[in-house]
Amino acid sequence: MLAKRMMWISWPAFLVAGLLEILVFGLVDPQDLQWFGHPLALSRQGVYTLSFFAFWALAMLSSGLTTLLSMSPVEVNR
């Protein structure tokens, strides 16, 4: 059951991360990004990769919270 829940969380989060990646970097050039006033020391591919995993982690957190809140009290307290 845990494997099923992990798929319920990770697969939709993966799709959302891909969509966010397309939307964000369709509007923003990674070479124009700055961190505290300094340009990023990463290549475009590095920015794409790190941002994808950040988007994925945030979407997984959201999906995980939704899954947790949908569980019955009996399931949570096991």
PDB file of N, CA and C in Angstrom:
ATOM      1  N   MET A   1       0.818  -1.197   0.000  1.00  0.00           N
ATOM      2  CA  MET A   1       0.000   0.000   0.000  1.00  0.00           C
ATOM      3  C   MET A   1       0.861   1.259   0.000  1.00  0.00           C
ATOM      4  N   LEU A   2       2.016   1.190   0.656  1.00  0.00           N
ATOM      5  CA  LEU A   2       2.910   2.346   0.692  1.00  0.00           C
ATOM      6  C   LEU A   2       3.427   2.678  -0.706  1.00  0.00           C
ATOM      7  N   ALA A   3       3.754   1.659  -1.475  1.00  0.00           N
ATOM      8  CA  ALA A   3       4.246   1.892  -2.839  1.00  0.00           C
ATOM      9  C   ALA A   3       3.174   2.561  -3.694  1.00  0.00           C
ATOM     10  N   LYS A   4       1.926   2.142  -3.503  1.00  0.00           N
ATOM     11  CA  LYS A   4       0.822   2.746  -4.241  1.00  0.00           C
ATOM     12  C   LYS A   4       0.669   4.220  -3.877  1.00  0.00           C
ATOM     13  N   ARG A   5       0.746   4.512  -2.591  1.00  0.00           N
ATOM     14  CA  ARG A   5       0.633   5.907  -2.143  1.00  0.00           C
ATOM     15  C   ARG A   5       1.783   6.758  -2.678  1.00  0.00           C
ATOM     16  N   MET A   6       2.965   6.184  -2.689  1.00  0.00           N
ATOM     17  CA  MET A   6       4.115   6.941  -3.216  1.00  0.00           C
ATOM     18  C   MET A   6       3.926   7.260  -4.693  1.00  0.00           C
ATOM     19  N   MET A   7       3.333   6.350  -5.445  1.00  0.00           N
ATOM     20  CA  MET A   7       3.042   6.621  -6.854  1.00  0.00           C
ATOM     21  C   MET A   7       1.953   7.676  -6.986  1.00  0.00           C
ATOM     22  N   TRP A   8       0.960   7.654  -6.093  1.00  0.00           N
ATOM     23  CA  TRP A   8      -0.085   8.678  -6.103  1.00  0.00           C
ATOM     24  C   TRP A   8       0.511  10.058  -5.847  1.00  0.00           C
ATOM     25  N   ILE A   9       1.594  10.095  -5.110  1.00  0.00           N
ATOM     26  CA  ILE A   9       2.236  11.368  -4.777  1.00  0.00           C
ATOM     27  C   ILE A   9       3.255  11.773  -5.834  1.00  0.00           C
ATOM     28  N   SER A  10       4.144  10.871  -6.207  1.00  0.00           N
ATOM     29  CA  SER A  10       5.274  11.253  -7.057  1.00  0.00           C
ATOM     30  C   SER A  10       4.922  11.435  -8.527  1.00  0.00           C
ATOM     31  N   TRP A  11       4.025  10.624  -9.080  1.00  0.00           N
ATOM     32  CA  TRP A  11       3.731  10.742 -10.512  1.00  0.00           C
ATOM     33  C   TRP A  11       3.025  12.049 -10.858  1.00  0.00           C
ATOM     34  N   PRO A  12       1.934  12.434 -10.174  1.00  0.00           N
ATOM     35  CA  PRO A  12       1.340  13.738 -10.491  1.00  0.00           C
ATOM     36  C   PRO A  12       2.298  14.895 -10.222  1.00  0.00           C
ATOM     37  N   ALA A  13       3.122  14.762  -9.181  1.00  0.00           N
ATOM     38  CA  ALA A  13       4.093  15.814  -8.876  1.00  0.00           C
ATOM     39  C   ALA A  13       5.122  15.938 -10.000  1.00  0.00           C
ATOM     40  N   PHE A  14       5.526  14.823 -10.579  1.00  0.00           N
ATOM     41  CA  PHE A  14       6.465  14.835 -11.705  1.00  0.00           C
ATOM     42  C   PHE A  14       5.855  15.583 -12.895  1.00  0.00           C
ATOM     43  N   LEU A  15       4.588  15.291 -13.188  1.00  0.00           N
ATOM     44  CA  LEU A  15       3.929  15.963 -14.301  1.00  0.00           C
ATOM     45  C   LEU A  15       3.784  17.460 -14.052  1.00  0.00           C
ATOM     46  N   VAL A  16       3.437  17.842 -12.836  1.00  0.00           N
ATOM     47  CA  VAL A  16       3.310  19.257 -12.492  1.00  0.00           C
ATOM     48  C   VAL A  16       4.670  19.948 -12.572  1.00  0.00           C
ATOM     49  N   ALA A  17       5.717  19.291 -12.120  1.00  0.00           N
ATOM     50  CA  ALA A  17       7.063  19.879 -12.198  1.00  0.00           C
ATOM     51  C   ALA A  17       7.465  20.119 -13.649  1.00  0.00           C
ATOM     52  N   GLY A  18       7.152  19.176 -14.525  1.00  0.00           N
ATOM     53  CA  GLY A  18       7.442  19.365 -15.945  1.00  0.00           C
ATOM     54  C   GLY A  18       6.681  20.539 -16.525  1.00  0.00           C
ATOM     55  N   LEU A  19       5.415  20.662 -16.164  1.00  0.00           N
ATOM     56  CA  LEU A  19       4.603  21.780 -16.644  1.00  0.00           C
ATOM     57  C   LEU A  19       5.123  23.110 -16.118  1.00  0.00           C
ATOM     58  N   LEU A  20       5.465  23.157 -14.837  1.00  0.00           N
ATOM     59  CA  LEU A  20       6.026  24.383 -14.268  1.00  0.00           C
ATOM     60  C   LEU A  20       7.339  24.765 -14.934  1.00  0.00           C
ATOM     61  N   GLU A  21       8.155  23.777 -15.225  1.00  0.00           N
ATOM     62  CA  GLU A  21       9.429  24.022 -15.905  1.00  0.00           C
ATOM     63  C   GLU A  21       9.194  24.694 -17.258  1.00  0.00           C
ATOM     64  N   ILE A  22       8.234  24.174 -18.002  1.00  0.00           N
ATOM     65  CA  ILE A  22       7.917  24.745 -19.319  1.00  0.00           C
ATOM     66  C   ILE A  22       7.381  26.159 -19.168  1.00  0.00           C
ATOM     67  N   LEU A  23       6.467  26.361 -18.218  1.00  0.00           N
ATOM     68  CA  LEU A  23       5.871  27.680 -18.042  1.00  0.00           C
ATOM     69  C   LEU A  23       6.876  28.721 -17.571  1.00  0.00           C
ATOM     70  N   VAL A  24       7.659  28.376 -16.568  1.00  0.00           N
ATOM     71  CA  VAL A  24       8.615  29.343 -16.013  1.00  0.00           C
ATOM     72  C   VAL A  24       9.706  29.688 -17.018  1.00  0.00           C
ATOM     73  N   PHE A  25      10.304  28.686 -17.625  1.00  0.00           N
ATOM     74  CA  PHE A  25      11.429  28.964 -18.504  1.00  0.00           C
ATOM     75  C   PHE A  25      10.999  29.283 -19.927  1.00  0.00           C
ATOM     76  N   GLY A  26       9.711  29.271 -20.177  1.00  0.00           N
ATOM     77  CA  GLY A  26       9.191  29.852 -21.409  1.00  0.00           C
ATOM     78  C   GLY A  26       9.177  31.367 -21.317  1.00  0.00           C
ATOM     79  N   LEU A  27       9.192  31.877 -20.087  1.00  0.00           N
ATOM     80  CA  LEU A  27       9.153  33.322 -19.860  1.00  0.00           C
ATOM     81  C   LEU A  27      10.472  33.894 -19.339  1.00  0.00           C
ATOM     82  N   VAL A  28      11.293  33.072 -18.710  1.00  0.00           N
ATOM     83  CA  VAL A  28      12.522  33.544 -18.057  1.00  0.00           C
ATOM     84  C   VAL A  28      13.723  32.831 -18.650  1.00  0.00           C
ATOM     85  N   ASP A  29      14.752  33.606 -18.962  1.00  0.00           N
ATOM     86  CA  ASP A  29      16.011  33.020 -19.426  1.00  0.00           C
ATOM     87  C   ASP A  29      16.891  32.739 -18.208  1.00  0.00           C
ATOM     88  N   PRO A  30      17.355  31.510 -18.019  1.00  0.00           N
ATOM     89  CA  PRO A  30      18.173  31.193 -16.845  1.00  0.00           C
ATOM     90  C   PRO A  30      19.443  32.041 -16.734  1.00  0.00           C
ATOM     91  N   GLN A  31      19.967  32.515 -17.833  1.00  0.00           N
ATOM     92  CA  GLN A  31      21.183  33.339 -17.781  1.00  0.00           C
ATOM     93  C   GLN A  31      20.904  34.732 -17.216  1.00  0.00           C
ATOM     94  N   ASP A  32      19.643  35.154 -17.178  1.00  0.00           N
ATOM     95  CA  ASP A  32      19.279  36.463 -16.633  1.00  0.00           C
ATOM     96  C   ASP A  32      18.993  36.424 -15.140  1.00  0.00           C
ATOM     97  N   LEU A  33      18.959  35.237 -14.544  1.00  0.00           N
ATOM     98  CA  LEU A  33      18.644  35.110 -13.127  1.00  0.00           C
ATOM     99  C   LEU A  33      19.818  35.564 -12.262  1.00  0.00           C
ATOM    100  N   GLN A  34      19.472  36.158 -11.107  1.00  0.00           N
ATOM    101  CA  GLN A  34      20.483  36.598 -10.154  1.00  0.00           C
ATOM    102  C   GLN A  34      20.117  36.107  -8.773  1.00  0.00           C
ATOM    103  N   TRP A  35      21.134  35.915  -7.944  1.00  0.00           N
ATOM    104  CA  TRP A  35      20.949  35.490  -6.565  1.00  0.00           C
ATOM    105  C   TRP A  35      21.605  36.526  -5.672  1.00  0.00           C
ATOM    106  N   PHE A  36      20.800  37.290  -4.949  1.00  0.00           N
ATOM    107  CA  PHE A  36      21.281  38.383  -4.107  1.00  0.00           C
ATOM    108  C   PHE A  36      22.150  39.365  -4.883  1.00  0.00           C
ATOM    109  N   GLY A  37      21.722  39.693  -6.086  1.00  0.00           N
ATOM    110  CA  GLY A  37      22.408  40.684  -6.897  1.00  0.00           C
ATOM    111  C   GLY A  37      23.584  40.166  -7.702  1.00  0.00           C
ATOM    112  N   HIS A  38      23.887  38.887  -7.594  1.00  0.00           N
ATOM    113  CA  HIS A  38      24.996  38.293  -8.330  1.00  0.00           C
ATOM    114  C   HIS A  38      24.443  37.280  -9.332  1.00  0.00           C
ATOM    115  N   PRO A  39      25.031  37.225 -10.529  1.00  0.00           N
ATOM    116  CA  PRO A  39      24.559  36.225 -11.498  1.00  0.00           C
ATOM    117  C   PRO A  39      24.837  34.809 -11.003  1.00  0.00           C
ATOM    118  N   LEU A  40      23.977  33.884 -11.384  1.00  0.00           N
ATOM    119  CA  LEU A  40      24.174  32.492 -10.987  1.00  0.00           C
ATOM    120  C   LEU A  40      25.401  31.914 -11.674  1.00  0.00           C
ATOM    121  N   ALA A  41      26.137  31.092 -10.961  1.00  0.00           N
ATOM    122  CA  ALA A  41      27.346  30.479 -11.509  1.00  0.00           C
ATOM    123  C   ALA A  41      27.038  29.104 -12.091  1.00  0.00           C
ATOM    124  N   LEU A  42      25.842  28.942 -12.634  1.00  0.00           N
ATOM    125  CA  LEU A  42      25.430  27.665 -13.209  1.00  0.00           C
ATOM    126  C   LEU A  42      25.137  27.830 -14.693  1.00  0.00           C
ATOM    127  N   SER A  43      25.265  26.748 -15.406  1.00  0.00           N
ATOM    128  CA  SER A  43      24.882  26.763 -16.814  1.00  0.00           C
ATOM    129  C   SER A  43      23.354  26.746 -16.909  1.00  0.00           C
ATOM    130  N   ARG A  44      22.856  26.969 -18.114  1.00  0.00           N
ATOM    131  CA  ARG A  44      21.404  26.896 -18.312  1.00  0.00           C
ATOM    132  C   ARG A  44      20.878  25.520 -17.911  1.00  0.00           C
ATOM    133  N   GLN A  45      21.581  24.482 -18.326  1.00  0.00           N
ATOM    134  CA  GLN A  45      21.155  23.119 -18.017  1.00  0.00           C
ATOM    135  C   GLN A  45      21.155  22.879 -16.503  1.00  0.00           C
ATOM    136  N   GLY A  46      22.120  23.439 -15.800  1.00  0.00           N
ATOM    137  CA  GLY A  46      22.164  23.309 -14.346  1.00  0.00           C
ATOM    138  C   GLY A  46      20.979  23.981 -13.680  1.00  0.00           C
ATOM    139  N   VAL A  47      20.617  25.166 -14.163  1.00  0.00           N
ATOM    140  CA  VAL A  47      19.452  25.873 -13.618  1.00  0.00           C
ATOM    141  C   VAL A  47      18.185  25.086 -13.911  1.00  0.00           C
ATOM    142  N   TYR A  48      18.060  24.567 -15.134  1.00  0.00           N
ATOM    143  CA  TYR A  48      16.886  23.760 -15.490  1.00  0.00           C
ATOM    144  C   TYR A  48      16.774  22.542 -14.579  1.00  0.00           C
ATOM    145  N   THR A  49      17.887  21.878 -14.345  1.00  0.00           N
ATOM    146  CA  THR A  49      17.886  20.664 -13.534  1.00  0.00           C
ATOM    147  C   THR A  49      17.517  20.952 -12.081  1.00  0.00           C
ATOM    148  N   LEU A  50      18.190  21.936 -11.477  1.00  0.00           N
ATOM    149  CA  LEU A  50      17.913  22.253 -10.077  1.00  0.00           C
ATOM    150  C   LEU A  50      16.490  22.760  -9.885  1.00  0.00           C
ATOM    151  N   SER A  51      16.016  23.574 -10.814  1.00  0.00           N
ATOM    152  CA  SER A  51      14.656  24.087 -10.668  1.00  0.00           C
ATOM    153  C   SER A  51      13.626  22.972 -10.856  1.00  0.00           C
ATOM    154  N   PHE A  52      13.888  22.026 -11.770  1.00  0.00           N
ATOM    155  CA  PHE A  52      12.960  20.910 -11.938  1.00  0.00           C
ATOM    156  C   PHE A  52      12.833  20.118 -10.650  1.00  0.00           C
ATOM    157  N   PHE A  53      13.958  19.813  -9.998  1.00  0.00           N
ATOM    158  CA  PHE A  53      13.895  19.044  -8.754  1.00  0.00           C
ATOM    159  C   PHE A  53      13.256  19.853  -7.627  1.00  0.00           C
ATOM    160  N   ALA A  54      13.463  21.168  -7.612  1.00  0.00           N
ATOM    161  CA  ALA A  54      12.795  22.012  -6.614  1.00  0.00           C
ATOM    162  C   ALA A  54      11.288  22.020  -6.854  1.00  0.00           C
ATOM    163  N   PHE A  55      10.872  22.170  -8.113  1.00  0.00           N
ATOM    164  CA  PHE A  55       9.446  22.131  -8.440  1.00  0.00           C
ATOM    165  C   PHE A  55       8.849  20.768  -8.074  1.00  0.00           C
ATOM    166  N   TRP A  56       9.588  19.717  -8.364  1.00  0.00           N
ATOM    167  CA  TRP A  56       9.109  18.357  -8.075  1.00  0.00           C
ATOM    168  C   TRP A  56       8.951  18.164  -6.566  1.00  0.00           C
ATOM    169  N   ALA A  57       9.926  18.630  -5.798  1.00  0.00           N
ATOM    170  CA  ALA A  57       9.854  18.483  -4.334  1.00  0.00           C
ATOM    171  C   ALA A  57       8.659  19.251  -3.773  1.00  0.00           C
ATOM    172  N   LEU A  58       8.431  20.456  -4.250  1.00  0.00           N
ATOM    173  CA  LEU A  58       7.290  21.237  -3.766  1.00  0.00           C
ATOM    174  C   LEU A  58       5.968  20.593  -4.158  1.00  0.00           C
ATOM    175  N   ALA A  59       5.884  20.077  -5.371  1.00  0.00           N
ATOM    176  CA  ALA A  59       4.656  19.416  -5.810  1.00  0.00           C
ATOM    177  C   ALA A  59       4.441  18.114  -5.033  1.00  0.00           C
ATOM    178  N   MET A  60       5.522  17.393  -4.714  1.00  0.00           N
ATOM    179  CA  MET A  60       5.397  16.171  -3.910  1.00  0.00           C
ATOM    180  C   MET A  60       4.928  16.506  -2.498  1.00  0.00           C
ATOM    181  N   LEU A  61       5.421  17.599  -1.958  1.00  0.00           N
ATOM    182  CA  LEU A  61       4.980  18.036  -0.634  1.00  0.00           C
ATOM    183  C   LEU A  61       3.483  18.331  -0.646  1.00  0.00           C
ATOM    184  N   SER A  62       3.033  19.015  -1.670  1.00  0.00           N
ATOM    185  CA  SER A  62       1.611  19.324  -1.804  1.00  0.00           C
ATOM    186  C   SER A  62       0.778  18.059  -1.974  1.00  0.00           C
ATOM    187  N   SER A  63       1.204  17.162  -2.849  1.00  0.00           N
ATOM    188  CA  SER A  63       0.466  15.912  -3.061  1.00  0.00           C
ATOM    189  C   SER A  63       0.488  15.042  -1.813  1.00  0.00           C
ATOM    190  N   GLY A  64       1.601  15.013  -1.116  1.00  0.00           N
ATOM    191  CA  GLY A  64       1.701  14.231   0.117  1.00  0.00           C
ATOM    192  C   GLY A  64       0.783  14.762   1.201  1.00  0.00           C
ATOM    193  N   LEU A  65       0.705  16.076   1.305  1.00  0.00           N
ATOM    194  CA  LEU A  65      -0.194  16.665   2.290  1.00  0.00           C
ATOM    195  C   LEU A  65      -1.648  16.356   1.948  1.00  0.00           C
ATOM    196  N   THR A  66      -1.990  16.418   0.671  1.00  0.00           N
ATOM    197  CA  THR A  66      -3.345  16.070   0.244  1.00  0.00           C
ATOM    198  C   THR A  66      -3.652  14.612   0.567  1.00  0.00           C
ATOM    199  N   THR A  67      -2.705  13.720   0.304  1.00  0.00           N
ATOM    200  CA  THR A  67      -2.899  12.300   0.606  1.00  0.00           C
ATOM    201  C   THR A  67      -3.048  12.077   2.107  1.00  0.00           C
ATOM    202  N   LEU A  68      -2.241  12.769   2.899  1.00  0.00           N
ATOM    203  CA  LEU A  68      -2.324  12.635   4.353  1.00  0.00           C
ATOM    204  C   LEU A  68      -3.676  13.119   4.865  1.00  0.00           C
ATOM    205  N   LEU A  69      -4.134  14.240   4.351  1.00  0.00           N
ATOM    206  CA  LEU A  69      -5.409  14.789   4.820  1.00  0.00           C
ATOM    207  C   LEU A  69      -6.609  13.957   4.359  1.00  0.00           C
ATOM    208  N   SER A  70      -6.441  13.163   3.324  1.00  0.00           N
ATOM    209  CA  SER A  70      -7.549  12.328   2.846  1.00  0.00           C
ATOM    210  C   SER A  70      -7.644  10.997   3.580  1.00  0.00           C
ATOM    211  N   MET A  71      -6.648  10.673   4.405  1.00  0.00           N
ATOM    212  CA  MET A  71      -6.644   9.412   5.138  1.00  0.00           C
ATOM    213  C   MET A  71      -7.596   9.496   6.332  1.00  0.00           C
ATOM    214  N   SER A  72      -8.166   8.361   6.687  1.00  0.00           N
ATOM    215  CA  SER A  72      -9.027   8.305   7.869  1.00  0.00           C
ATOM    216  C   SER A  72      -8.152   8.334   9.131  1.00  0.00           C
ATOM    217  N   PRO A  73      -8.710   8.708  10.262  1.00  0.00           N
ATOM    218  CA  PRO A  73      -7.925   8.712  11.506  1.00  0.00           C
ATOM    219  C   PRO A  73      -7.347   7.346  11.856  1.00  0.00           C
ATOM    220  N   VAL A  74      -8.064   6.288  11.519  1.00  0.00           N
ATOM    221  CA  VAL A  74      -7.575   4.938  11.805  1.00  0.00           C
ATOM    222  C   VAL A  74      -6.298   4.660  11.019  1.00  0.00           C
ATOM    223  N   GLU A  75      -6.268   5.077   9.728  1.00  0.00           N
ATOM    224  CA  GLU A  75      -5.072   4.860   8.894  1.00  0.00           C
ATOM    225  C   GLU A  75      -3.893   5.682   9.393  1.00  0.00           C
ATOM    226  N   VAL A  76      -4.146   6.903   9.835  1.00  0.00           N
ATOM    227  CA  VAL A  76      -3.078   7.788  10.293  1.00  0.00           C
ATOM    228  C   VAL A  76      -2.461   7.255  11.584  1.00  0.00           C
ATOM    229  N   ASN A  77      -3.259   6.734  12.471  1.00  0.00           N
ATOM    230  CA  ASN A  77      -2.774   6.315  13.787  1.00  0.00           C
ATOM    231  C   ASN A  77      -2.225   4.894  13.832  1.00  0.00           C
ATOM    232  N   ARG A  78      -2.103   4.240  12.703  1.00  0.00           N
ATOM    233  CA  ARG A  78      -1.532   2.880  12.685  1.00  0.00           C
ATOM    234  C   ARG A  78      -0.086   2.916  12.994  1.00  0.00           C
TER     235      ARG A  78
END
